[in-house]
Each structure stands twice: as structure tokens, then as C-alpha cells.
Amino acid sequence: MQKLKNSTKLFLTGESGAVTVDWVVLTAGMVGLGLATMAVVSGGVEDLSGDMQSQLETQEISTSFASAAVAWESGQWDMSNPGIYDSYVAWMANFEDQQLLDHMNNTAQYADYPAGSGHPYDTYHDEFYIAQDEAISRGLIDPPT
């Protein structure tokens, strides 16, 4: 009986398994922290994945080029100053692509001015459309629809 008492006393006072207990507690804490993080983040991930799913379901993929039947001809706009058309077409034909696009963008603010708005609006109005026609003919922009 004395031997059993000594064995029990040694077992209860021994510290050789304490490290194992520490690792079990730390691992349980890490698992709990992971579960708590997952609970917080999962709602946002579900919302994002639902948004992505609806976007992918409604996205249309074009498998062909635009129809060649688009009716576009240069000079099909209300010219404010028809006398400048030919000289401006020749002038802009010498522009580099980026220079042409920059010029078109700079004069775009005058595109909606009606014919007869006076100088310089009439000239800038026509310059925009001449530049737009040139950019379309070079394939730099798409024709307006």
C-alpha cells in the first residue's frame, strides 16, 4: 500500500506533462481564434462571392466583331462654317494620331454649340467634327451611334 501512495504522490507532484498541457491550451486558443475570425469574415466573403456570381451570370461576351453595316460617312453634321472644311481636313490629315485626339478633345466643348453661334464657336464646332471624322477614318475611335 505504501508503494501505491508513493506512486500517487509522485504522479500528482510531477511536472513532466505540463508542457503538453500548455500546448493543448495554446492550440485550443488558436483554433478558437480562427473560428471567431471565420465567423466575422464569412458574411463579407459571401456577399462578395454573390456579387461576383451575379456579375458573371449577367456578363455578355461578344464572340464577333461589330457589324460592318454601320452607316457612317464623314461630314454628316451641321457645318457652321462650310468654307473651312476642305482646308481643315487637309490640315488635320497631317496630324499625328495623338495630336489629332488631343485636338479633338480640346474642341469637344464646342460640339454642342448650334450653327450660327458666332466666332470662334462656329469654327471650333467644325474643328471638333472634322477631327472626329479624321479619327474615325483612322480607326482611332468608334463612330458615334
N, C-alpha and C. Protein backbone atom coordinates (compact mmCIF):
# COMPACT_ATOMS: atom_id res chain seq x y z
N MET A 1 0.81 -1.17 0.00
CA MET A 1 0.00 0.00 0.00
C MET A 1 0.87 1.25 0.00
N GLN A 2 1.96 1.17 0.72
CA GLN A 2 2.88 2.29 0.78
C GLN A 2 3.42 2.61 -0.61
N LYS A 3 3.66 1.57 -1.37
CA LYS A 3 4.17 1.76 -2.71
C LYS A 3 3.17 2.51 -3.58
N LEU A 4 1.89 2.21 -3.44
CA LEU A 4 0.83 2.88 -4.19
C LEU A 4 0.73 4.33 -3.78
N LYS A 5 0.87 4.62 -2.47
CA LYS A 5 0.84 6.01 -2.00
C LYS A 5 1.99 6.81 -2.59
N ASN A 6 3.18 6.22 -2.59
CA ASN A 6 4.35 6.91 -3.14
C ASN A 6 4.18 7.17 -4.64
N SER A 7 3.67 6.20 -5.34
CA SER A 7 3.46 6.35 -6.80
C SER A 7 2.45 7.45 -7.09
N THR A 8 1.38 7.50 -6.31
CA THR A 8 0.34 8.52 -6.50
C THR A 8 0.90 9.90 -6.18
N LYS A 9 1.69 9.98 -5.09
CA LYS A 9 2.27 11.26 -4.70
C LYS A 9 3.22 11.75 -5.79
N LEU A 10 4.06 10.87 -6.33
CA LEU A 10 4.98 11.24 -7.40
C LEU A 10 4.22 11.70 -8.67
N PHE A 11 3.16 11.00 -8.96
CA PHE A 11 2.36 11.35 -10.15
C PHE A 11 1.74 12.73 -10.01
N LEU A 12 1.17 13.03 -8.82
CA LEU A 12 0.49 14.29 -8.61
C LEU A 12 1.45 15.47 -8.51
N THR A 13 2.65 15.26 -8.04
CA THR A 13 3.61 16.36 -7.91
C THR A 13 4.55 16.47 -9.10
N GLY A 14 4.52 15.54 -10.01
CA GLY A 14 5.41 15.57 -11.18
C GLY A 14 4.98 16.64 -12.18
N GLU A 15 5.96 17.26 -12.88
CA GLU A 15 5.68 18.32 -13.85
C GLU A 15 6.09 17.93 -15.27
N SER A 16 6.35 16.71 -15.53
CA SER A 16 6.84 16.29 -16.84
C SER A 16 5.77 16.43 -17.93
N GLY A 17 4.51 16.42 -17.64
CA GLY A 17 3.46 16.56 -18.65
C GLY A 17 2.92 17.97 -18.77
N ALA A 18 3.46 18.93 -18.02
CA ALA A 18 2.94 20.31 -18.01
C ALA A 18 3.11 20.98 -19.37
N VAL A 19 4.17 20.70 -20.07
CA VAL A 19 4.40 21.30 -21.39
C VAL A 19 3.32 20.83 -22.35
N THR A 20 2.96 19.59 -22.28
CA THR A 20 1.91 19.07 -23.15
C THR A 20 0.59 19.78 -22.90
N VAL A 21 0.28 20.00 -21.64
CA VAL A 21 -0.95 20.71 -21.29
C VAL A 21 -0.91 22.13 -21.83
N ASP A 22 0.25 22.79 -21.71
CA ASP A 22 0.39 24.15 -22.26
C ASP A 22 0.12 24.17 -23.77
N TRP A 23 0.68 23.20 -24.48
CA TRP A 23 0.47 23.16 -25.94
C TRP A 23 -0.99 22.88 -26.29
N VAL A 24 -1.64 22.06 -25.54
CA VAL A 24 -3.06 21.77 -25.78
C VAL A 24 -3.88 23.04 -25.59
N VAL A 25 -3.59 23.79 -24.52
CA VAL A 25 -4.32 25.03 -24.24
C VAL A 25 -4.05 26.06 -25.34
N LEU A 26 -2.79 26.24 -25.73
CA LEU A 26 -2.45 27.19 -26.79
C LEU A 26 -3.10 26.81 -28.13
N THR A 27 -3.08 25.54 -28.46
CA THR A 27 -3.69 25.08 -29.71
C THR A 27 -5.20 25.31 -29.69
N ALA A 28 -5.82 25.03 -28.59
CA ALA A 28 -7.26 25.26 -28.46
C ALA A 28 -7.57 26.75 -28.62
N GLY A 29 -6.72 27.61 -28.05
CA GLY A 29 -6.91 29.06 -28.21
C GLY A 29 -6.77 29.50 -29.66
N MET A 30 -5.80 28.95 -30.38
CA MET A 30 -5.60 29.30 -31.79
C MET A 30 -6.79 28.84 -32.64
N VAL A 31 -7.30 27.65 -32.37
CA VAL A 31 -8.47 27.15 -33.10
C VAL A 31 -9.67 28.04 -32.81
N GLY A 32 -9.84 28.44 -31.56
CA GLY A 32 -10.96 29.33 -31.21
C GLY A 32 -10.83 30.68 -31.90
N LEU A 33 -9.63 31.22 -31.95
CA LEU A 33 -9.39 32.49 -32.64
C LEU A 33 -9.67 32.37 -34.14
N GLY A 34 -9.27 31.27 -34.73
CA GLY A 34 -9.55 31.03 -36.14
C GLY A 34 -11.04 30.94 -36.42
N LEU A 35 -11.77 30.25 -35.57
CA LEU A 35 -13.22 30.14 -35.74
C LEU A 35 -13.90 31.49 -35.58
N ALA A 36 -13.44 32.28 -34.63
CA ALA A 36 -14.03 33.62 -34.43
C ALA A 36 -13.76 34.51 -35.64
N THR A 37 -12.55 34.46 -36.18
CA THR A 37 -12.22 35.24 -37.38
C THR A 37 -13.07 34.79 -38.56
N MET A 38 -13.23 33.50 -38.72
CA MET A 38 -14.04 32.98 -39.81
C MET A 38 -15.49 33.45 -39.68
N ALA A 39 -15.99 33.47 -38.48
CA ALA A 39 -17.38 33.90 -38.27
C ALA A 39 -17.56 35.37 -38.66
N VAL A 40 -16.56 36.19 -38.37
CA VAL A 40 -16.66 37.62 -38.68
C VAL A 40 -16.50 37.86 -40.17
N VAL A 41 -15.58 37.17 -40.83
CA VAL A 41 -15.25 37.44 -42.23
C VAL A 41 -16.20 36.74 -43.20
N SER A 42 -16.80 35.66 -42.80
CA SER A 42 -17.59 34.85 -43.73
C SER A 42 -18.76 35.62 -44.35
N GLY A 43 -19.38 36.51 -43.60
CA GLY A 43 -20.50 37.29 -44.16
C GLY A 43 -20.06 38.16 -45.32
N GLY A 44 -18.93 38.84 -45.16
CA GLY A 44 -18.41 39.69 -46.22
C GLY A 44 -17.97 38.88 -47.44
N VAL A 45 -17.38 37.74 -47.20
CA VAL A 45 -16.95 36.88 -48.31
C VAL A 45 -18.16 36.36 -49.07
N GLU A 46 -19.20 36.01 -48.36
CA GLU A 46 -20.43 35.54 -49.03
C GLU A 46 -21.04 36.65 -49.87
N ASP A 47 -21.08 37.87 -49.35
CA ASP A 47 -21.61 38.99 -50.13
C ASP A 47 -20.79 39.22 -51.39
N LEU A 48 -19.47 39.20 -51.25
CA LEU A 48 -18.59 39.43 -52.39
C LEU A 48 -18.73 38.32 -53.41
N SER A 49 -18.80 37.10 -52.96
CA SER A 49 -18.92 35.99 -53.91
C SER A 49 -20.29 36.02 -54.60
N GLY A 50 -21.32 36.48 -53.89
CA GLY A 50 -22.63 36.62 -54.52
C GLY A 50 -22.62 37.71 -55.57
N ASP A 51 -21.94 38.82 -55.28
CA ASP A 51 -21.81 39.90 -56.27
C ASP A 51 -21.06 39.43 -57.50
N MET A 52 -19.99 38.69 -57.27
CA MET A 52 -19.21 38.17 -58.41
C MET A 52 -20.04 37.20 -59.23
N GLN A 53 -20.81 36.36 -58.56
CA GLN A 53 -21.64 35.39 -59.27
C GLN A 53 -22.68 36.09 -60.13
N SER A 54 -23.36 37.09 -59.58
CA SER A 54 -24.38 37.78 -60.36
C SER A 54 -23.76 38.54 -61.53
N GLN A 55 -22.57 39.12 -61.34
CA GLN A 55 -21.89 39.81 -62.44
C GLN A 55 -21.51 38.83 -63.54
N LEU A 56 -20.97 37.68 -63.14
CA LEU A 56 -20.56 36.69 -64.14
C LEU A 56 -21.76 36.10 -64.87
N GLU A 57 -22.88 35.96 -64.18
CA GLU A 57 -24.07 35.42 -64.82
C GLU A 57 -24.68 36.40 -65.82
N THR A 58 -24.58 37.69 -65.55
CA THR A 58 -25.20 38.68 -66.43
C THR A 58 -24.24 39.24 -67.46
N GLN A 59 -22.96 38.92 -67.37
CA GLN A 59 -21.97 39.44 -68.31
C GLN A 59 -22.20 38.83 -69.69
N GLU A 60 -22.27 39.69 -70.69
CA GLU A 60 -22.41 39.22 -72.06
C GLU A 60 -21.05 39.22 -72.72
N ILE A 61 -20.77 38.15 -73.42
CA ILE A 61 -19.50 38.03 -74.11
C ILE A 61 -19.76 38.10 -75.61
N SER A 62 -19.13 39.07 -76.23
CA SER A 62 -19.28 39.22 -77.67
C SER A 62 -18.28 38.30 -78.35
N THR A 63 -18.77 37.44 -79.21
CA THR A 63 -17.89 36.50 -79.90
C THR A 63 -17.65 36.90 -81.34
N SER A 64 -18.09 38.09 -81.73
CA SER A 64 -17.86 38.53 -83.10
C SER A 64 -17.56 40.02 -83.09
N PHE A 65 -17.07 40.50 -84.22
CA PHE A 65 -16.80 41.91 -84.35
C PHE A 65 -18.09 42.65 -84.66
N ALA A 66 -18.07 43.95 -84.46
CA ALA A 66 -19.24 44.76 -84.75
C ALA A 66 -19.59 44.64 -86.23
N SER A 67 -20.83 44.80 -86.50
CA SER A 67 -21.31 44.68 -87.87
C SER A 67 -20.68 45.74 -88.76
N ALA A 68 -20.30 45.34 -89.95
CA ALA A 68 -19.71 46.28 -90.91
C ALA A 68 -20.78 47.16 -91.55
N ALA A 69 -22.04 46.95 -91.19
CA ALA A 69 -23.13 47.68 -91.80
C ALA A 69 -23.39 49.03 -91.12
N VAL A 70 -22.48 49.45 -90.22
CA VAL A 70 -22.66 50.73 -89.56
C VAL A 70 -22.54 51.83 -90.60
N ALA A 71 -23.58 52.61 -90.73
CA ALA A 71 -23.59 53.67 -91.74
C ALA A 71 -22.92 54.91 -91.18
N TRP A 72 -21.70 55.17 -91.63
CA TRP A 72 -21.01 56.36 -91.20
C TRP A 72 -20.32 56.97 -92.41
N GLU A 73 -20.48 58.25 -92.55
CA GLU A 73 -19.78 59.00 -93.58
C GLU A 73 -19.28 60.28 -92.94
N SER A 74 -18.13 60.72 -93.39
CA SER A 74 -17.59 61.96 -92.85
C SER A 74 -18.43 63.14 -93.32
N GLY A 75 -18.42 64.18 -92.54
CA GLY A 75 -19.12 65.40 -92.91
C GLY A 75 -20.62 65.36 -92.70
N GLN A 76 -21.12 64.40 -91.94
CA GLN A 76 -22.57 64.28 -91.72
C GLN A 76 -22.97 64.97 -90.41
N TRP A 77 -22.76 66.28 -90.34
CA TRP A 77 -23.10 67.07 -89.18
C TRP A 77 -23.38 68.48 -89.67
N ASP A 78 -24.01 69.28 -88.85
CA ASP A 78 -24.34 70.66 -89.25
C ASP A 78 -23.08 71.51 -89.23
N MET A 79 -22.61 71.85 -90.41
CA MET A 79 -21.42 72.68 -90.51
C MET A 79 -21.80 74.13 -90.24
N SER A 80 -21.04 74.74 -89.36
CA SER A 80 -21.27 76.14 -89.06
C SER A 80 -20.56 77.03 -90.07
N ASN A 81 -19.45 76.54 -90.58
CA ASN A 81 -18.62 77.34 -91.47
C ASN A 81 -18.12 76.43 -92.59
N PRO A 82 -18.97 76.11 -93.59
CA PRO A 82 -18.59 75.14 -94.62
C PRO A 82 -17.35 75.55 -95.42
N GLY A 83 -17.02 76.81 -95.44
CA GLY A 83 -15.87 77.26 -96.22
C GLY A 83 -14.53 76.76 -95.71
N ILE A 84 -14.47 76.33 -94.45
CA ILE A 84 -13.19 75.88 -93.90
C ILE A 84 -13.00 74.37 -94.00
N TYR A 85 -14.02 73.66 -94.45
CA TYR A 85 -13.99 72.20 -94.38
C TYR A 85 -12.77 71.61 -95.09
N ASP A 86 -12.60 71.90 -96.35
CA ASP A 86 -11.52 71.28 -97.12
C ASP A 86 -10.14 71.63 -96.58
N SER A 87 -9.93 72.90 -96.23
CA SER A 87 -8.60 73.28 -95.73
C SER A 87 -8.33 72.65 -94.36
N TYR A 88 -9.34 72.52 -93.51
CA TYR A 88 -9.14 71.91 -92.19
C TYR A 88 -8.93 70.40 -92.30
N VAL A 89 -9.64 69.77 -93.25
CA VAL A 89 -9.43 68.33 -93.47
C VAL A 89 -7.98 68.10 -93.89
N ALA A 90 -7.48 68.91 -94.81
CA ALA A 90 -6.10 68.76 -95.27
C ALA A 90 -5.11 69.05 -94.13
N TRP A 91 -5.41 70.05 -93.31
CA TRP A 91 -4.55 70.40 -92.19
C TRP A 91 -4.46 69.26 -91.18
N MET A 92 -5.63 68.71 -90.79
CA MET A 92 -5.65 67.66 -89.77
C MET A 92 -5.15 66.32 -90.30
N ALA A 93 -5.15 66.14 -91.60
CA ALA A 93 -4.62 64.90 -92.17
C ALA A 93 -3.13 64.75 -91.86
N ASN A 94 -2.44 65.85 -91.61
CA ASN A 94 -1.02 65.82 -91.29
C ASN A 94 -0.73 65.64 -89.80
N PHE A 95 -1.76 65.62 -88.96
CA PHE A 95 -1.58 65.44 -87.52
C PHE A 95 -1.13 64.01 -87.22
N GLU A 96 -0.28 63.87 -86.19
CA GLU A 96 0.00 62.54 -85.64
C GLU A 96 -1.27 62.08 -84.92
N ASP A 97 -1.40 60.77 -84.68
CA ASP A 97 -2.62 60.24 -84.06
C ASP A 97 -2.92 60.91 -82.71
N GLN A 98 -1.92 60.99 -81.84
CA GLN A 98 -2.15 61.56 -80.51
C GLN A 98 -2.48 63.05 -80.61
N GLN A 99 -1.82 63.74 -81.53
CA GLN A 99 -2.09 65.16 -81.73
C GLN A 99 -3.53 65.36 -82.19
N LEU A 100 -3.99 64.48 -83.07
CA LEU A 100 -5.37 64.57 -83.56
C LEU A 100 -6.36 64.33 -82.42
N LEU A 101 -6.12 63.31 -81.61
CA LEU A 101 -7.02 63.02 -80.48
C LEU A 101 -7.02 64.15 -79.47
N ASP A 102 -5.84 64.73 -79.22
CA ASP A 102 -5.76 65.86 -78.29
C ASP A 102 -6.55 67.05 -78.82
N HIS A 103 -6.42 67.32 -80.12
CA HIS A 103 -7.14 68.45 -80.71
C HIS A 103 -8.65 68.22 -80.64
N MET A 104 -9.05 67.00 -80.93
CA MET A 104 -10.48 66.66 -80.86
C MET A 104 -11.00 66.85 -79.44
N ASN A 105 -10.24 66.38 -78.45
CA ASN A 105 -10.67 66.52 -77.05
C ASN A 105 -10.69 67.97 -76.60
N ASN A 106 -9.76 68.78 -77.11
CA ASN A 106 -9.72 70.19 -76.75
C ASN A 106 -10.90 70.97 -77.31
N THR A 107 -11.40 70.56 -78.47
CA THR A 107 -12.52 71.28 -79.10
C THR A 107 -13.87 70.63 -78.81
N ALA A 108 -13.88 69.53 -78.07
CA ALA A 108 -15.13 68.81 -77.79
C ALA A 108 -16.14 69.68 -77.05
N GLN A 109 -15.66 70.64 -76.27
CA GLN A 109 -16.58 71.50 -75.52
C GLN A 109 -17.45 72.35 -76.43
N TYR A 110 -17.07 72.48 -77.70
CA TYR A 110 -17.84 73.30 -78.63
C TYR A 110 -18.75 72.47 -79.53
N ALA A 111 -18.76 71.15 -79.36
CA ALA A 111 -19.51 70.26 -80.24
C ALA A 111 -21.01 70.54 -80.21
N ASP A 112 -21.53 70.94 -79.08
CA ASP A 112 -22.98 71.12 -78.94
C ASP A 112 -23.45 72.54 -79.25
N TYR A 113 -22.53 73.42 -79.59
CA TYR A 113 -22.96 74.78 -79.95
C TYR A 113 -23.71 74.72 -81.28
N PRO A 114 -24.86 75.35 -81.37
CA PRO A 114 -25.62 75.33 -82.63
C PRO A 114 -24.94 76.20 -83.69
N ALA A 115 -25.23 75.87 -84.94
CA ALA A 115 -24.69 76.67 -86.04
C ALA A 115 -25.17 78.11 -85.88
N GLY A 116 -24.28 79.06 -86.19
CA GLY A 116 -24.63 80.46 -86.07
C GLY A 116 -24.35 81.04 -84.71
N SER A 117 -23.58 80.35 -83.86
CA SER A 117 -23.25 80.85 -82.53
C SER A 117 -22.21 81.96 -82.58
N GLY A 118 -21.60 82.16 -83.72
CA GLY A 118 -20.60 83.22 -83.87
C GLY A 118 -19.19 82.71 -83.69
N HIS A 119 -18.26 83.57 -84.07
CA HIS A 119 -16.85 83.22 -83.96
C HIS A 119 -16.41 83.38 -82.50
N PRO A 120 -15.62 82.52 -81.94
CA PRO A 120 -14.92 81.38 -82.51
C PRO A 120 -15.69 80.06 -82.39
N TYR A 121 -16.89 80.10 -81.81
CA TYR A 121 -17.63 78.87 -81.53
C TYR A 121 -17.93 78.07 -82.80
N ASP A 122 -18.32 78.76 -83.86
CA ASP A 122 -18.62 78.05 -85.11
C ASP A 122 -17.39 77.32 -85.63
N THR A 123 -16.25 77.98 -85.59
CA THR A 123 -15.02 77.37 -86.09
C THR A 123 -14.61 76.18 -85.23
N TYR A 124 -14.65 76.34 -83.93
CA TYR A 124 -14.27 75.25 -83.03
C TYR A 124 -15.25 74.09 -83.13
N HIS A 125 -16.52 74.40 -83.33
CA HIS A 125 -17.54 73.36 -83.54
C HIS A 125 -17.16 72.51 -84.74
N ASP A 126 -16.86 73.16 -85.84
CA ASP A 126 -16.49 72.43 -87.05
C ASP A 126 -15.17 71.69 -86.87
N GLU A 127 -14.20 72.30 -86.19
CA GLU A 127 -12.92 71.64 -85.96
C GLU A 127 -13.10 70.33 -85.20
N PHE A 128 -13.99 70.34 -84.20
CA PHE A 128 -14.23 69.11 -83.44
C PHE A 128 -14.72 68.01 -84.36
N TYR A 129 -15.73 68.30 -85.18
CA TYR A 129 -16.31 67.26 -86.03
C TYR A 129 -15.36 66.84 -87.15
N ILE A 130 -14.56 67.76 -87.66
CA ILE A 130 -13.57 67.39 -88.67
C ILE A 130 -12.52 66.46 -88.03
N ALA A 131 -12.07 66.81 -86.83
CA ALA A 131 -11.10 65.95 -86.12
C ALA A 131 -11.73 64.60 -85.79
N GLN A 132 -12.99 64.59 -85.39
CA GLN A 132 -13.67 63.33 -85.09
C GLN A 132 -13.77 62.47 -86.34
N ASP A 133 -14.13 63.07 -87.46
CA ASP A 133 -14.21 62.31 -88.72
C ASP A 133 -12.85 61.70 -89.08
N GLU A 134 -11.78 62.49 -88.93
CA GLU A 134 -10.44 62.00 -89.23
C GLU A 134 -10.05 60.86 -88.29
N ALA A 135 -10.36 61.00 -87.00
CA ALA A 135 -10.04 59.95 -86.02
C ALA A 135 -10.81 58.67 -86.32
N ILE A 136 -12.05 58.79 -86.74
CA ILE A 136 -12.84 57.61 -87.10
C ILE A 136 -12.25 56.96 -88.33
N SER A 137 -11.90 57.77 -89.34
CA SER A 137 -11.36 57.19 -90.57
C SER A 137 -10.03 56.50 -90.33
N ARG A 138 -9.27 56.92 -89.33
CA ARG A 138 -8.01 56.26 -88.98
C ARG A 138 -8.21 55.06 -88.07
N GLY A 139 -9.43 54.88 -87.58
CA GLY A 139 -9.71 53.77 -86.67
C GLY A 139 -9.30 54.05 -85.24
N LEU A 140 -9.10 55.31 -84.88
CA LEU A 140 -8.69 55.67 -83.52
C LEU A 140 -9.85 55.65 -82.55
N ILE A 141 -11.04 55.95 -83.04
CA ILE A 141 -12.25 55.93 -82.22
C ILE A 141 -13.37 55.26 -83.03
N ASP A 142 -14.40 54.86 -82.33
CA ASP A 142 -15.55 54.26 -82.99
C ASP A 142 -16.51 55.35 -83.45
N PRO A 143 -17.23 55.10 -84.55
CA PRO A 143 -18.22 56.09 -84.99
C PRO A 143 -19.32 56.25 -83.95
N PRO A 144 -19.85 57.45 -83.82
CA PRO A 144 -20.98 57.64 -82.89
C PRO A 144 -22.18 56.82 -83.34
N THR A 145 -22.94 56.37 -82.38
CA THR A 145 -24.13 55.56 -82.74
C THR A 145 -25.37 56.39 -82.74
